[in-house]
């Protein structure tokens, strides 16, 4: 995989923010090191323990606020490179359900340009736009039958990403795979298998919890 470097002007970072390698280093690091850096960022910024109610309605003793990482500059750079490396060679676009997937698909699309493998990003609305084209899908129009991979930040039951899959298929696109940053391992993988979708996650919840406890020690 080709490497790319982006030069940034000075960026102010609060002292309370977790430290991570520079953005340029994220862009050129090998994927194994980059995955570890991304795991640390999830543990520092996104993973919380307590009493929470999830979007699925389930109660949980922990919560993962993925947007703390996906909207972080180093997080976005790492996500873009890692997920791009996981896409099938014939992928023609990445897509995801708003809002959680928006920064993820954007990061992959931007990084793809620097890897000489430009891949458009699509954002799937939960409700049709109330004006103009009244579309469910935002982004470039692709040829019918285009192969699209759905991306997600955190998978619990799998229902959220499935909404994106259904909208994309209704539009005439081919969707065979879902890739998530984190799998909570609460039925999502089994659900995708039951409907004939391939599923891959960068991290399992065990990965996060084990590293979180190491960092708390």
N, C-alpha and C. Protein backbone atom coordinates (compact mmCIF):
# COMPACT_ATOMS: atom_id res chain seq x y z
N UNK A 1 0.84 -1.19 0.00
CA UNK A 1 0.00 0.00 0.00
C UNK A 1 0.88 1.25 0.00
N UNK A 2 0.55 2.19 -0.89
CA UNK A 2 1.35 3.40 -0.94
C UNK A 2 1.07 4.27 0.27
N UNK A 3 2.07 5.03 0.65
CA UNK A 3 1.92 5.93 1.79
C UNK A 3 1.66 7.34 1.30
N UNK A 4 1.08 8.15 2.12
CA UNK A 4 0.88 9.54 1.78
C UNK A 4 1.20 10.39 2.99
N UNK A 5 1.53 11.64 2.74
CA UNK A 5 1.84 12.57 3.81
C UNK A 5 1.04 13.84 3.61
N UNK A 6 0.42 14.31 4.64
CA UNK A 6 -0.30 15.58 4.60
C UNK A 6 0.35 16.51 5.61
N UNK A 7 0.67 17.71 5.18
CA UNK A 7 1.30 18.67 6.07
C UNK A 7 0.25 19.63 6.60
N UNK A 8 0.23 19.79 7.89
CA UNK A 8 -0.75 20.66 8.53
C UNK A 8 -0.04 21.87 9.14
N UNK A 9 -0.73 22.99 9.13
CA UNK A 9 -0.24 24.13 9.89
C UNK A 9 -0.43 23.82 11.36
N UNK A 10 0.04 24.67 12.22
CA UNK A 10 -0.02 24.40 13.66
C UNK A 10 -1.45 24.15 14.10
N UNK A 11 -1.62 23.14 14.95
CA UNK A 11 -2.92 22.77 15.47
C UNK A 11 -2.87 22.86 16.99
N UNK A 12 -3.79 23.58 17.56
CA UNK A 12 -3.83 23.71 19.01
C UNK A 12 -4.55 22.51 19.59
N UNK A 13 -3.93 21.84 20.53
CA UNK A 13 -4.52 20.68 21.19
C UNK A 13 -4.53 20.92 22.68
N UNK A 14 -5.70 20.76 23.28
CA UNK A 14 -5.80 20.96 24.72
C UNK A 14 -4.92 19.95 25.44
N UNK A 15 -4.35 20.39 26.56
CA UNK A 15 -3.48 19.50 27.32
C UNK A 15 -4.23 18.29 27.84
N UNK A 16 -5.55 18.42 27.99
CA UNK A 16 -6.33 17.31 28.51
C UNK A 16 -6.60 16.24 27.46
N UNK A 17 -6.34 16.54 26.17
CA UNK A 17 -6.57 15.56 25.13
C UNK A 17 -5.51 14.47 25.21
N UNK A 18 -5.88 13.21 24.92
CA UNK A 18 -4.90 12.14 24.92
C UNK A 18 -3.86 12.36 23.85
N UNK A 19 -2.65 11.96 24.12
CA UNK A 19 -1.57 12.13 23.17
C UNK A 19 -1.54 10.97 22.19
N UNK A 20 -1.21 11.27 20.95
CA UNK A 20 -1.11 10.24 19.94
C UNK A 20 -0.05 10.69 18.96
N UNK A 21 0.40 9.79 18.09
CA UNK A 21 1.40 10.17 17.11
C UNK A 21 0.85 11.25 16.21
N UNK A 22 1.74 12.01 15.57
CA UNK A 22 1.32 13.10 14.71
C UNK A 22 0.50 12.58 13.54
N UNK A 23 -0.23 13.48 12.91
CA UNK A 23 -1.08 13.11 11.78
C UNK A 23 -0.22 12.55 10.65
N UNK A 24 0.92 13.20 10.36
CA UNK A 24 1.79 12.70 9.30
C UNK A 24 2.28 11.30 9.63
N UNK A 25 2.60 11.07 10.92
CA UNK A 25 3.04 9.73 11.31
C UNK A 25 1.91 8.73 11.16
N UNK A 26 0.68 9.13 11.46
CA UNK A 26 -0.46 8.24 11.27
C UNK A 26 -0.61 7.85 9.81
N UNK A 27 -0.27 8.80 8.94
CA UNK A 27 -0.43 8.56 7.52
C UNK A 27 0.59 7.58 6.97
N UNK A 28 1.73 7.45 7.62
CA UNK A 28 2.80 6.61 7.09
C UNK A 28 3.09 5.39 7.95
N UNK A 29 2.46 5.28 9.11
CA UNK A 29 2.71 4.15 10.00
C UNK A 29 2.22 2.86 9.37
N UNK A 30 2.85 1.73 9.75
CA UNK A 30 2.35 0.46 9.25
C UNK A 30 1.00 0.18 9.92
N UNK A 31 0.19 -0.66 9.29
CA UNK A 31 -1.18 -0.85 9.74
C UNK A 31 -1.28 -1.48 11.13
N UNK A 32 -0.32 -2.35 11.49
CA UNK A 32 -0.35 -2.96 12.82
C UNK A 32 -0.19 -1.90 13.90
N UNK A 33 0.79 -1.00 13.71
CA UNK A 33 1.00 0.08 14.68
C UNK A 33 -0.18 1.03 14.69
N UNK A 34 -0.72 1.29 13.52
CA UNK A 34 -1.85 2.21 13.41
C UNK A 34 -3.08 1.65 14.13
N UNK A 35 -3.30 0.35 14.01
CA UNK A 35 -4.42 -0.29 14.70
C UNK A 35 -4.27 -0.15 16.21
N UNK A 36 -3.05 -0.31 16.73
CA UNK A 36 -2.82 -0.16 18.16
C UNK A 36 -3.07 1.28 18.61
N UNK A 37 -2.63 2.22 17.82
CA UNK A 37 -2.86 3.62 18.14
C UNK A 37 -4.35 3.95 18.16
N UNK A 38 -5.09 3.38 17.21
CA UNK A 38 -6.52 3.63 17.16
C UNK A 38 -7.22 2.98 18.35
N UNK A 39 -6.79 1.80 18.74
CA UNK A 39 -7.35 1.13 19.92
C UNK A 39 -7.14 1.99 21.16
N UNK A 40 -5.94 2.53 21.31
CA UNK A 40 -5.66 3.38 22.47
C UNK A 40 -6.55 4.62 22.47
N UNK A 41 -6.77 5.18 21.30
CA UNK A 41 -7.61 6.37 21.21
C UNK A 41 -9.05 6.04 21.59
N UNK A 42 -9.54 4.90 21.17
CA UNK A 42 -10.88 4.48 21.57
C UNK A 42 -10.97 4.33 23.09
N UNK A 43 -9.95 3.73 23.69
CA UNK A 43 -9.98 3.51 25.14
C UNK A 43 -9.87 4.82 25.91
N UNK A 44 -9.12 5.76 25.39
CA UNK A 44 -8.92 7.04 26.07
C UNK A 44 -10.11 7.98 25.92
N UNK A 45 -10.77 7.95 24.76
CA UNK A 45 -11.76 8.97 24.44
C UNK A 45 -13.19 8.47 24.30
N UNK A 46 -13.38 7.23 23.88
CA UNK A 46 -14.72 6.78 23.51
C UNK A 46 -15.36 5.81 24.50
N UNK A 47 -14.55 4.99 25.16
CA UNK A 47 -15.09 3.95 26.03
C UNK A 47 -15.38 4.50 27.43
N UNK A 48 -16.60 4.26 27.92
CA UNK A 48 -17.00 4.69 29.27
C UNK A 48 -17.72 3.54 29.96
N UNK A 49 -17.61 3.50 31.27
CA UNK A 49 -18.34 2.51 32.05
C UNK A 49 -19.34 3.22 32.95
N UNK A 50 -20.51 2.60 33.14
CA UNK A 50 -21.58 3.20 33.93
C UNK A 50 -22.89 2.50 33.62
N UNK A 51 -23.99 3.24 33.68
CA UNK A 51 -25.32 2.69 33.39
C UNK A 51 -25.89 3.44 32.19
N UNK A 52 -26.06 2.74 31.07
CA UNK A 52 -26.46 3.40 29.83
C UNK A 52 -27.61 2.65 29.16
N UNK A 53 -28.41 3.41 28.38
CA UNK A 53 -29.43 2.81 27.52
C UNK A 53 -28.98 3.04 26.08
N UNK A 54 -28.86 1.97 25.31
CA UNK A 54 -28.36 2.04 23.95
C UNK A 54 -29.48 2.40 22.97
N UNK A 55 -29.11 2.73 21.75
CA UNK A 55 -30.11 3.06 20.72
C UNK A 55 -31.02 1.87 20.44
N UNK A 56 -30.52 0.66 20.70
CA UNK A 56 -31.33 -0.55 20.50
C UNK A 56 -32.37 -0.73 21.60
N UNK A 57 -32.27 0.09 22.68
CA UNK A 57 -33.16 -0.04 23.82
C UNK A 57 -32.59 -0.90 24.94
N UNK A 58 -31.49 -1.59 24.66
CA UNK A 58 -30.86 -2.44 25.66
C UNK A 58 -30.12 -1.59 26.68
N UNK A 59 -30.06 -2.06 27.92
CA UNK A 59 -29.25 -1.42 28.95
C UNK A 59 -27.85 -2.01 28.91
N UNK A 60 -26.87 -1.19 29.27
CA UNK A 60 -25.49 -1.65 29.20
C UNK A 60 -24.67 -1.02 30.32
N UNK A 61 -23.66 -1.74 30.76
CA UNK A 61 -22.75 -1.23 31.80
C UNK A 61 -21.59 -0.45 31.19
N UNK A 62 -21.58 -0.33 29.87
CA UNK A 62 -20.54 0.47 29.21
C UNK A 62 -21.12 1.12 27.96
N UNK A 63 -20.45 2.15 27.48
CA UNK A 63 -20.90 2.88 26.30
C UNK A 63 -19.68 3.27 25.48
N UNK A 64 -19.83 3.20 24.16
CA UNK A 64 -18.75 3.60 23.26
C UNK A 64 -19.24 4.76 22.41
N UNK A 65 -18.72 5.94 22.67
CA UNK A 65 -19.09 7.14 21.91
C UNK A 65 -18.11 7.28 20.75
N UNK A 66 -18.40 6.56 19.69
CA UNK A 66 -17.47 6.48 18.57
C UNK A 66 -17.10 7.81 17.95
N UNK A 67 -18.01 8.78 17.99
CA UNK A 67 -17.73 10.07 17.35
C UNK A 67 -16.60 10.83 18.02
N UNK A 68 -16.28 10.49 19.28
CA UNK A 68 -15.12 11.10 19.93
C UNK A 68 -13.83 10.74 19.19
N UNK A 69 -13.85 9.61 18.51
CA UNK A 69 -12.67 9.14 17.76
C UNK A 69 -12.80 9.43 16.27
N UNK A 70 -13.97 9.18 15.70
CA UNK A 70 -14.11 9.34 14.26
C UNK A 70 -14.02 10.80 13.82
N UNK A 71 -14.30 11.73 14.75
CA UNK A 71 -14.18 13.16 14.44
C UNK A 71 -12.88 13.76 14.96
N UNK A 72 -12.02 12.93 15.51
CA UNK A 72 -10.71 13.37 15.98
C UNK A 72 -9.74 13.30 14.79
N UNK A 73 -8.87 14.30 14.59
CA UNK A 73 -8.02 14.30 13.39
C UNK A 73 -7.16 13.05 13.23
N UNK A 74 -6.44 12.66 14.29
CA UNK A 74 -5.64 11.45 14.18
C UNK A 74 -6.51 10.21 14.07
N UNK A 75 -7.65 10.23 14.75
CA UNK A 75 -8.56 9.10 14.66
C UNK A 75 -9.08 8.91 13.25
N UNK A 76 -9.47 10.00 12.61
CA UNK A 76 -9.98 9.93 11.25
C UNK A 76 -8.92 9.42 10.28
N UNK A 77 -7.68 9.90 10.46
CA UNK A 77 -6.60 9.46 9.57
C UNK A 77 -6.36 7.96 9.71
N UNK A 78 -6.34 7.47 10.95
CA UNK A 78 -6.11 6.05 11.19
C UNK A 78 -7.28 5.22 10.65
N UNK A 79 -8.50 5.67 10.90
CA UNK A 79 -9.68 4.96 10.43
C UNK A 79 -9.68 4.86 8.91
N UNK A 80 -9.36 5.97 8.25
CA UNK A 80 -9.35 5.96 6.80
C UNK A 80 -8.40 4.93 6.23
N UNK A 81 -7.20 4.87 6.76
CA UNK A 81 -6.21 3.92 6.25
C UNK A 81 -6.57 2.48 6.57
N UNK A 82 -7.00 2.24 7.80
CA UNK A 82 -7.30 0.87 8.22
C UNK A 82 -8.49 0.31 7.45
N UNK A 83 -9.57 1.07 7.37
CA UNK A 83 -10.75 0.57 6.68
C UNK A 83 -10.52 0.44 5.18
N UNK A 84 -9.77 1.36 4.60
CA UNK A 84 -9.46 1.24 3.17
C UNK A 84 -8.74 -0.08 2.88
N UNK A 85 -7.86 -0.48 3.78
CA UNK A 85 -7.10 -1.72 3.58
C UNK A 85 -8.00 -2.95 3.67
N UNK A 86 -9.18 -2.82 4.28
CA UNK A 86 -10.09 -3.95 4.45
C UNK A 86 -11.11 -4.07 3.33
N UNK A 87 -11.21 -3.07 2.48
CA UNK A 87 -12.22 -3.09 1.43
C UNK A 87 -11.84 -4.07 0.32
N UNK A 88 -12.81 -4.81 -0.20
CA UNK A 88 -12.54 -5.66 -1.36
C UNK A 88 -12.03 -4.83 -2.53
N UNK A 89 -11.24 -5.44 -3.38
CA UNK A 89 -10.61 -4.71 -4.48
C UNK A 89 -11.62 -4.11 -5.44
N UNK A 90 -12.81 -4.70 -5.54
CA UNK A 90 -13.80 -4.21 -6.50
C UNK A 90 -14.79 -3.22 -5.89
N UNK A 91 -14.50 -2.72 -4.69
CA UNK A 91 -15.40 -1.74 -4.04
C UNK A 91 -15.48 -0.46 -4.86
N UNK A 92 -16.69 -0.01 -5.13
CA UNK A 92 -16.89 1.21 -5.92
C UNK A 92 -17.35 2.39 -5.08
N UNK A 93 -17.75 2.14 -3.84
CA UNK A 93 -18.14 3.22 -2.93
C UNK A 93 -18.27 2.66 -1.53
N UNK A 94 -18.17 3.56 -0.55
CA UNK A 94 -18.47 3.21 0.84
C UNK A 94 -19.67 4.05 1.26
N UNK A 95 -20.46 3.51 2.19
CA UNK A 95 -21.68 4.20 2.60
C UNK A 95 -22.00 3.85 4.04
N UNK A 96 -22.85 4.67 4.65
CA UNK A 96 -23.26 4.39 6.02
C UNK A 96 -24.43 5.25 6.42
N UNK A 97 -25.11 4.80 7.46
CA UNK A 97 -26.28 5.51 7.96
C UNK A 97 -25.86 6.72 8.78
N UNK A 98 -26.46 7.87 8.48
CA UNK A 98 -26.16 9.06 9.25
C UNK A 98 -26.66 8.87 10.70
N UNK A 99 -26.00 9.29 11.70
CA UNK A 99 -24.92 10.25 11.76
C UNK A 99 -23.57 9.57 12.04
N UNK A 100 -23.65 8.41 12.67
CA UNK A 100 -22.43 7.77 13.13
C UNK A 100 -21.43 7.44 12.05
N UNK A 101 -21.95 7.07 10.86
CA UNK A 101 -21.04 6.65 9.79
C UNK A 101 -20.51 7.81 8.95
N UNK A 102 -21.08 9.01 9.11
CA UNK A 102 -20.70 10.13 8.24
C UNK A 102 -19.20 10.40 8.23
N UNK A 103 -18.56 10.61 9.40
CA UNK A 103 -17.12 10.89 9.37
C UNK A 103 -16.29 9.69 8.94
N UNK A 104 -16.82 8.49 9.10
CA UNK A 104 -16.08 7.29 8.72
C UNK A 104 -15.98 7.17 7.20
N UNK A 105 -17.13 7.29 6.52
CA UNK A 105 -17.09 7.16 5.07
C UNK A 105 -16.30 8.31 4.45
N UNK A 106 -16.39 9.51 5.05
CA UNK A 106 -15.63 10.65 4.54
C UNK A 106 -14.13 10.41 4.69
N UNK A 107 -13.71 9.87 5.84
CA UNK A 107 -12.29 9.61 6.07
C UNK A 107 -11.74 8.59 5.07
N UNK A 108 -12.49 7.53 4.84
CA UNK A 108 -12.04 6.51 3.88
C UNK A 108 -11.94 7.10 2.48
N UNK A 109 -12.91 7.89 2.10
CA UNK A 109 -12.92 8.48 0.76
C UNK A 109 -11.73 9.42 0.56
N UNK A 110 -11.44 10.26 1.56
CA UNK A 110 -10.30 11.19 1.45
C UNK A 110 -8.98 10.42 1.37
N UNK A 111 -8.80 9.44 2.24
CA UNK A 111 -7.56 8.67 2.24
C UNK A 111 -7.39 7.92 0.92
N UNK A 112 -8.50 7.44 0.35
CA UNK A 112 -8.42 6.67 -0.89
C UNK A 112 -7.77 7.44 -2.02
N UNK A 113 -7.95 8.75 -2.03
CA UNK A 113 -7.35 9.58 -3.08
C UNK A 113 -5.83 9.53 -3.00
N UNK A 114 -5.31 9.62 -1.78
CA UNK A 114 -3.86 9.61 -1.58
C UNK A 114 -3.25 8.22 -1.80
N UNK A 115 -4.09 7.20 -1.79
CA UNK A 115 -3.64 5.84 -2.07
C UNK A 115 -3.85 5.48 -3.54
N UNK A 116 -4.19 6.49 -4.36
CA UNK A 116 -4.45 6.27 -5.79
C UNK A 116 -5.53 5.22 -6.02
N UNK A 117 -6.53 5.24 -5.15
CA UNK A 117 -7.66 4.32 -5.25
C UNK A 117 -8.93 5.07 -4.89
N UNK A 118 -9.28 6.10 -5.64
CA UNK A 118 -10.39 6.97 -5.24
C UNK A 118 -11.72 6.23 -5.13
N UNK A 119 -12.34 6.35 -3.96
CA UNK A 119 -13.61 5.68 -3.67
C UNK A 119 -14.59 6.72 -3.15
N UNK A 120 -15.72 6.92 -3.81
CA UNK A 120 -16.71 7.89 -3.33
C UNK A 120 -17.35 7.45 -2.02
N UNK A 121 -17.91 8.43 -1.31
CA UNK A 121 -18.64 8.17 -0.07
C UNK A 121 -20.10 8.53 -0.25
N UNK A 122 -20.97 7.71 0.32
CA UNK A 122 -22.41 7.96 0.31
C UNK A 122 -22.92 8.02 1.74
N UNK A 123 -23.84 8.93 2.00
CA UNK A 123 -24.47 9.05 3.31
C UNK A 123 -25.94 8.70 3.17
N UNK A 124 -26.41 7.80 4.02
CA UNK A 124 -27.79 7.34 3.94
C UNK A 124 -28.61 8.04 5.02
N UNK A 125 -29.63 8.76 4.60
CA UNK A 125 -30.51 9.44 5.53
C UNK A 125 -31.45 8.44 6.21
N UNK A 126 -31.84 8.75 7.45
CA UNK A 126 -32.83 7.91 8.14
C UNK A 126 -34.23 8.19 7.60
N UNK A 127 -34.45 9.42 7.18
CA UNK A 127 -35.71 9.81 6.55
C UNK A 127 -35.38 10.54 5.26
N UNK A 128 -36.26 10.44 4.29
CA UNK A 128 -36.02 11.12 3.02
C UNK A 128 -35.93 12.64 3.23
N UNK A 129 -35.07 13.28 2.45
CA UNK A 129 -34.94 14.73 2.53
C UNK A 129 -36.29 15.38 2.26
N UNK A 130 -36.63 16.39 3.04
CA UNK A 130 -37.96 16.99 2.95
C UNK A 130 -38.12 18.01 1.84
N UNK A 131 -37.09 18.20 1.03
CA UNK A 131 -37.19 19.17 -0.06
C UNK A 131 -36.31 18.72 -1.22
N UNK A 132 -36.34 19.47 -2.30
CA UNK A 132 -35.48 19.15 -3.44
C UNK A 132 -35.77 17.77 -4.01
N UNK A 133 -34.74 16.93 -4.06
CA UNK A 133 -34.88 15.60 -4.64
C UNK A 133 -35.57 14.60 -3.73
N UNK A 134 -35.74 14.96 -2.45
CA UNK A 134 -36.34 14.07 -1.45
C UNK A 134 -35.63 12.71 -1.40
N UNK A 135 -34.33 12.77 -1.53
CA UNK A 135 -33.53 11.54 -1.63
C UNK A 135 -33.19 10.98 -0.25
N UNK A 136 -32.99 9.66 -0.20
CA UNK A 136 -32.48 8.99 0.98
C UNK A 136 -30.94 8.94 0.96
N UNK A 137 -30.37 8.97 -0.22
CA UNK A 137 -28.92 8.79 -0.38
C UNK A 137 -28.28 10.08 -0.86
N UNK A 138 -27.27 10.54 -0.13
CA UNK A 138 -26.52 11.73 -0.51
C UNK A 138 -25.14 11.31 -1.00
N UNK A 139 -24.71 11.94 -2.08
CA UNK A 139 -23.39 11.64 -2.63
C UNK A 139 -23.47 11.41 -4.13
N UNK A 140 -22.34 11.09 -4.74
CA UNK A 140 -22.32 10.90 -6.19
C UNK A 140 -23.26 9.77 -6.63
N UNK A 141 -23.87 9.95 -7.80
CA UNK A 141 -24.71 8.90 -8.37
C UNK A 141 -23.80 7.87 -9.03
N UNK A 142 -24.01 6.61 -8.69
CA UNK A 142 -23.19 5.52 -9.21
C UNK A 142 -23.98 4.72 -10.24
N UNK A 143 -23.27 3.97 -11.10
CA UNK A 143 -23.99 3.13 -12.05
C UNK A 143 -24.76 2.03 -11.34
N UNK A 144 -25.86 1.60 -11.93
CA UNK A 144 -26.64 0.53 -11.34
C UNK A 144 -25.79 -0.71 -11.18
N UNK A 145 -25.93 -1.37 -10.03
CA UNK A 145 -25.14 -2.56 -9.76
C UNK A 145 -23.79 -2.28 -9.15
N UNK A 146 -23.48 -1.01 -8.87
CA UNK A 146 -22.19 -0.66 -8.26
C UNK A 146 -22.04 -1.36 -6.91
N UNK A 147 -20.83 -1.80 -6.63
CA UNK A 147 -20.57 -2.55 -5.40
C UNK A 147 -20.21 -1.58 -4.27
N UNK A 148 -21.03 -1.58 -3.23
CA UNK A 148 -20.89 -0.64 -2.11
C UNK A 148 -20.69 -1.43 -0.82
N UNK A 149 -19.75 -0.98 0.00
CA UNK A 149 -19.53 -1.57 1.32
C UNK A 149 -20.08 -0.60 2.37
N UNK A 150 -20.88 -1.12 3.29
CA UNK A 150 -21.46 -0.30 4.35
C UNK A 150 -20.52 -0.27 5.55
N UNK A 151 -20.27 0.93 6.08
CA UNK A 151 -19.40 1.12 7.23
C UNK A 151 -20.21 1.59 8.43
N UNK A 152 -19.72 1.22 9.61
CA UNK A 152 -20.42 1.57 10.85
C UNK A 152 -19.40 1.81 11.94
N UNK A 153 -19.75 2.63 12.94
CA UNK A 153 -18.81 2.85 14.04
C UNK A 153 -18.90 1.72 15.07
N UNK A 154 -20.09 1.46 15.59
CA UNK A 154 -20.27 0.42 16.60
C UNK A 154 -21.48 -0.43 16.22
N UNK A 155 -21.31 -1.74 16.20
CA UNK A 155 -22.42 -2.66 15.90
C UNK A 155 -22.87 -3.35 17.17
N UNK A 156 -24.17 -3.31 17.43
CA UNK A 156 -24.77 -4.04 18.55
C UNK A 156 -25.63 -5.16 17.98
N UNK A 157 -26.84 -4.83 17.55
CA UNK A 157 -27.73 -5.84 16.97
C UNK A 157 -27.59 -5.94 15.46
N UNK A 158 -27.01 -4.91 14.85
CA UNK A 158 -26.85 -4.90 13.40
C UNK A 158 -27.95 -4.21 12.64
N UNK A 159 -28.98 -3.74 13.33
CA UNK A 159 -30.14 -3.18 12.65
C UNK A 159 -29.85 -1.83 11.99
N UNK A 160 -29.01 -1.00 12.60
CA UNK A 160 -28.76 0.33 12.05
C UNK A 160 -28.11 0.25 10.67
N UNK A 161 -27.03 -0.52 10.55
CA UNK A 161 -26.36 -0.64 9.27
C UNK A 161 -27.26 -1.34 8.24
N UNK A 162 -28.14 -2.21 8.71
CA UNK A 162 -29.05 -2.90 7.79
C UNK A 162 -29.97 -1.93 7.09
N UNK A 163 -30.35 -0.84 7.77
CA UNK A 163 -31.18 0.17 7.12
C UNK A 163 -30.45 0.76 5.92
N UNK A 164 -29.13 0.99 6.09
CA UNK A 164 -28.34 1.51 4.98
C UNK A 164 -28.27 0.50 3.84
N UNK A 165 -28.07 -0.76 4.20
CA UNK A 165 -28.02 -1.83 3.18
C UNK A 165 -29.30 -1.83 2.36
N UNK A 166 -30.43 -1.76 3.03
CA UNK A 166 -31.72 -1.82 2.34
C UNK A 166 -31.92 -0.62 1.42
N UNK A 167 -31.57 0.58 1.89
CA UNK A 167 -31.71 1.77 1.04
C UNK A 167 -30.82 1.68 -0.19
N UNK A 168 -29.62 1.20 -0.01
CA UNK A 168 -28.69 1.09 -1.13
C UNK A 168 -29.18 0.06 -2.15
N UNK A 169 -29.67 -1.04 -1.66
CA UNK A 169 -30.21 -2.06 -2.58
C UNK A 169 -31.44 -1.56 -3.30
N UNK A 170 -32.28 -0.80 -2.61
CA UNK A 170 -33.46 -0.22 -3.26
C UNK A 170 -33.05 0.72 -4.38
N UNK A 171 -31.87 1.34 -4.24
CA UNK A 171 -31.38 2.27 -5.27
C UNK A 171 -30.68 1.54 -6.42
N UNK A 172 -30.59 0.22 -6.33
CA UNK A 172 -29.99 -0.55 -7.41
C UNK A 172 -28.54 -0.90 -7.23
N UNK A 173 -27.99 -0.66 -6.03
CA UNK A 173 -26.59 -0.98 -5.77
C UNK A 173 -26.45 -2.37 -5.16
N UNK A 174 -25.27 -2.93 -5.29
CA UNK A 174 -24.98 -4.26 -4.75
C UNK A 174 -24.22 -4.12 -3.43
N UNK A 175 -24.77 -4.67 -2.36
CA UNK A 175 -24.14 -4.60 -1.04
C UNK A 175 -24.00 -6.02 -0.50
N UNK A 176 -22.77 -6.41 -0.21
CA UNK A 176 -22.51 -7.76 0.29
C UNK A 176 -21.75 -7.78 1.61
N UNK A 177 -21.32 -6.59 2.08
CA UNK A 177 -20.45 -6.58 3.26
C UNK A 177 -20.68 -5.36 4.13
N UNK A 178 -20.57 -5.57 5.44
CA UNK A 178 -20.60 -4.50 6.44
C UNK A 178 -19.30 -4.57 7.22
N UNK A 179 -18.66 -3.42 7.42
CA UNK A 179 -17.44 -3.34 8.22
C UNK A 179 -17.67 -2.33 9.34
N UNK A 180 -17.36 -2.73 10.56
CA UNK A 180 -17.55 -1.86 11.72
C UNK A 180 -16.22 -1.63 12.42
N UNK A 181 -16.12 -0.49 13.09
CA UNK A 181 -14.93 -0.25 13.90
C UNK A 181 -14.94 -1.13 15.14
N UNK A 182 -16.10 -1.25 15.79
CA UNK A 182 -16.21 -2.03 17.03
C UNK A 182 -17.43 -2.94 16.94
N UNK A 183 -17.27 -4.18 17.36
CA UNK A 183 -18.37 -5.13 17.48
C UNK A 183 -18.62 -5.38 18.97
N UNK A 184 -19.81 -4.99 19.44
CA UNK A 184 -20.16 -5.22 20.84
C UNK A 184 -20.47 -6.70 21.11
N UNK A 185 -20.54 -7.49 20.08
CA UNK A 185 -20.79 -8.93 20.18
C UNK A 185 -22.10 -9.23 20.92
N UNK A 186 -23.13 -8.55 20.47
CA UNK A 186 -24.46 -8.74 21.04
C UNK A 186 -25.47 -9.12 19.96
N UNK A 187 -25.01 -9.93 19.01
CA UNK A 187 -25.92 -10.47 18.00
C UNK A 187 -25.76 -9.90 16.61
N UNK A 188 -25.00 -8.83 16.45
CA UNK A 188 -24.86 -8.21 15.14
C UNK A 188 -24.23 -9.13 14.10
N UNK A 189 -23.13 -9.78 14.45
CA UNK A 189 -22.44 -10.66 13.51
C UNK A 189 -23.35 -11.81 13.08
N UNK A 190 -24.06 -12.37 14.05
CA UNK A 190 -24.97 -13.47 13.74
C UNK A 190 -26.12 -13.01 12.84
N UNK A 191 -26.60 -11.80 13.10
CA UNK A 191 -27.68 -11.25 12.26
C UNK A 191 -27.22 -11.10 10.83
N UNK A 192 -26.05 -10.50 10.63
CA UNK A 192 -25.55 -10.31 9.27
C UNK A 192 -25.36 -11.65 8.55
N UNK A 193 -24.86 -12.63 9.26
CA UNK A 193 -24.70 -13.95 8.67
C UNK A 193 -26.05 -14.53 8.24
N UNK A 194 -27.07 -14.30 9.05
CA UNK A 194 -28.40 -14.85 8.76
C UNK A 194 -29.02 -14.24 7.51
N UNK A 195 -28.61 -13.00 7.16
CA UNK A 195 -29.17 -12.35 5.97
C UNK A 195 -28.18 -12.37 4.80
N UNK A 196 -27.12 -13.16 4.94
CA UNK A 196 -26.19 -13.36 3.83
C UNK A 196 -25.18 -12.25 3.61
N UNK A 197 -24.90 -11.46 4.64
CA UNK A 197 -23.92 -10.39 4.54
C UNK A 197 -22.60 -10.80 5.20
N UNK A 198 -21.50 -10.45 4.58
CA UNK A 198 -20.20 -10.62 5.21
C UNK A 198 -20.05 -9.52 6.27
N UNK A 199 -19.35 -9.84 7.35
CA UNK A 199 -19.16 -8.85 8.41
C UNK A 199 -17.75 -8.94 8.95
N UNK A 200 -17.16 -7.76 9.16
CA UNK A 200 -15.82 -7.69 9.74
C UNK A 200 -15.78 -6.49 10.69
N UNK A 201 -15.11 -6.66 11.82
CA UNK A 201 -14.92 -5.55 12.77
C UNK A 201 -13.43 -5.37 13.04
N UNK A 202 -13.01 -4.14 13.14
CA UNK A 202 -11.61 -3.84 13.46
C UNK A 202 -11.30 -4.29 14.88
N UNK A 203 -12.23 -4.01 15.82
CA UNK A 203 -12.04 -4.38 17.22
C UNK A 203 -13.28 -5.09 17.75
N UNK A 204 -13.07 -6.02 18.67
CA UNK A 204 -14.17 -6.59 19.44
C UNK A 204 -14.26 -5.81 20.75
N UNK A 205 -15.38 -5.95 21.44
CA UNK A 205 -15.51 -5.28 22.73
C UNK A 205 -14.47 -5.79 23.71
N UNK A 206 -14.07 -7.06 23.58
CA UNK A 206 -13.02 -7.60 24.45
C UNK A 206 -11.70 -6.88 24.23
N UNK A 207 -11.41 -6.53 22.97
CA UNK A 207 -10.18 -5.78 22.67
C UNK A 207 -10.17 -4.46 23.45
N UNK A 208 -11.30 -3.74 23.39
CA UNK A 208 -11.38 -2.45 24.07
C UNK A 208 -11.29 -2.60 25.58
N UNK A 209 -12.03 -3.53 26.13
CA UNK A 209 -12.07 -3.66 27.58
C UNK A 209 -10.74 -4.13 28.16
N UNK A 210 -10.09 -5.03 27.45
CA UNK A 210 -8.78 -5.49 27.93
C UNK A 210 -7.76 -4.36 27.91
N UNK A 211 -7.73 -3.60 26.82
CA UNK A 211 -6.78 -2.50 26.72
C UNK A 211 -7.14 -1.37 27.69
N UNK A 212 -8.43 -1.12 27.88
CA UNK A 212 -8.90 -0.08 28.80
C UNK A 212 -8.39 -0.37 30.21
N UNK A 213 -8.49 -1.63 30.65
CA UNK A 213 -8.06 -2.00 32.00
C UNK A 213 -6.55 -1.94 32.14
N UNK A 214 -5.84 -2.26 31.08
CA UNK A 214 -4.38 -2.13 31.10
C UNK A 214 -3.98 -0.67 31.28
N UNK A 215 -4.70 0.22 30.60
CA UNK A 215 -4.38 1.64 30.67
C UNK A 215 -4.80 2.26 31.99
N UNK A 216 -5.79 1.65 32.67
CA UNK A 216 -6.24 2.15 33.97
C UNK A 216 -5.37 1.69 35.12
N UNK A 217 -4.60 0.61 34.88
CA UNK A 217 -3.79 0.01 35.94
C UNK A 217 -2.65 0.94 36.36
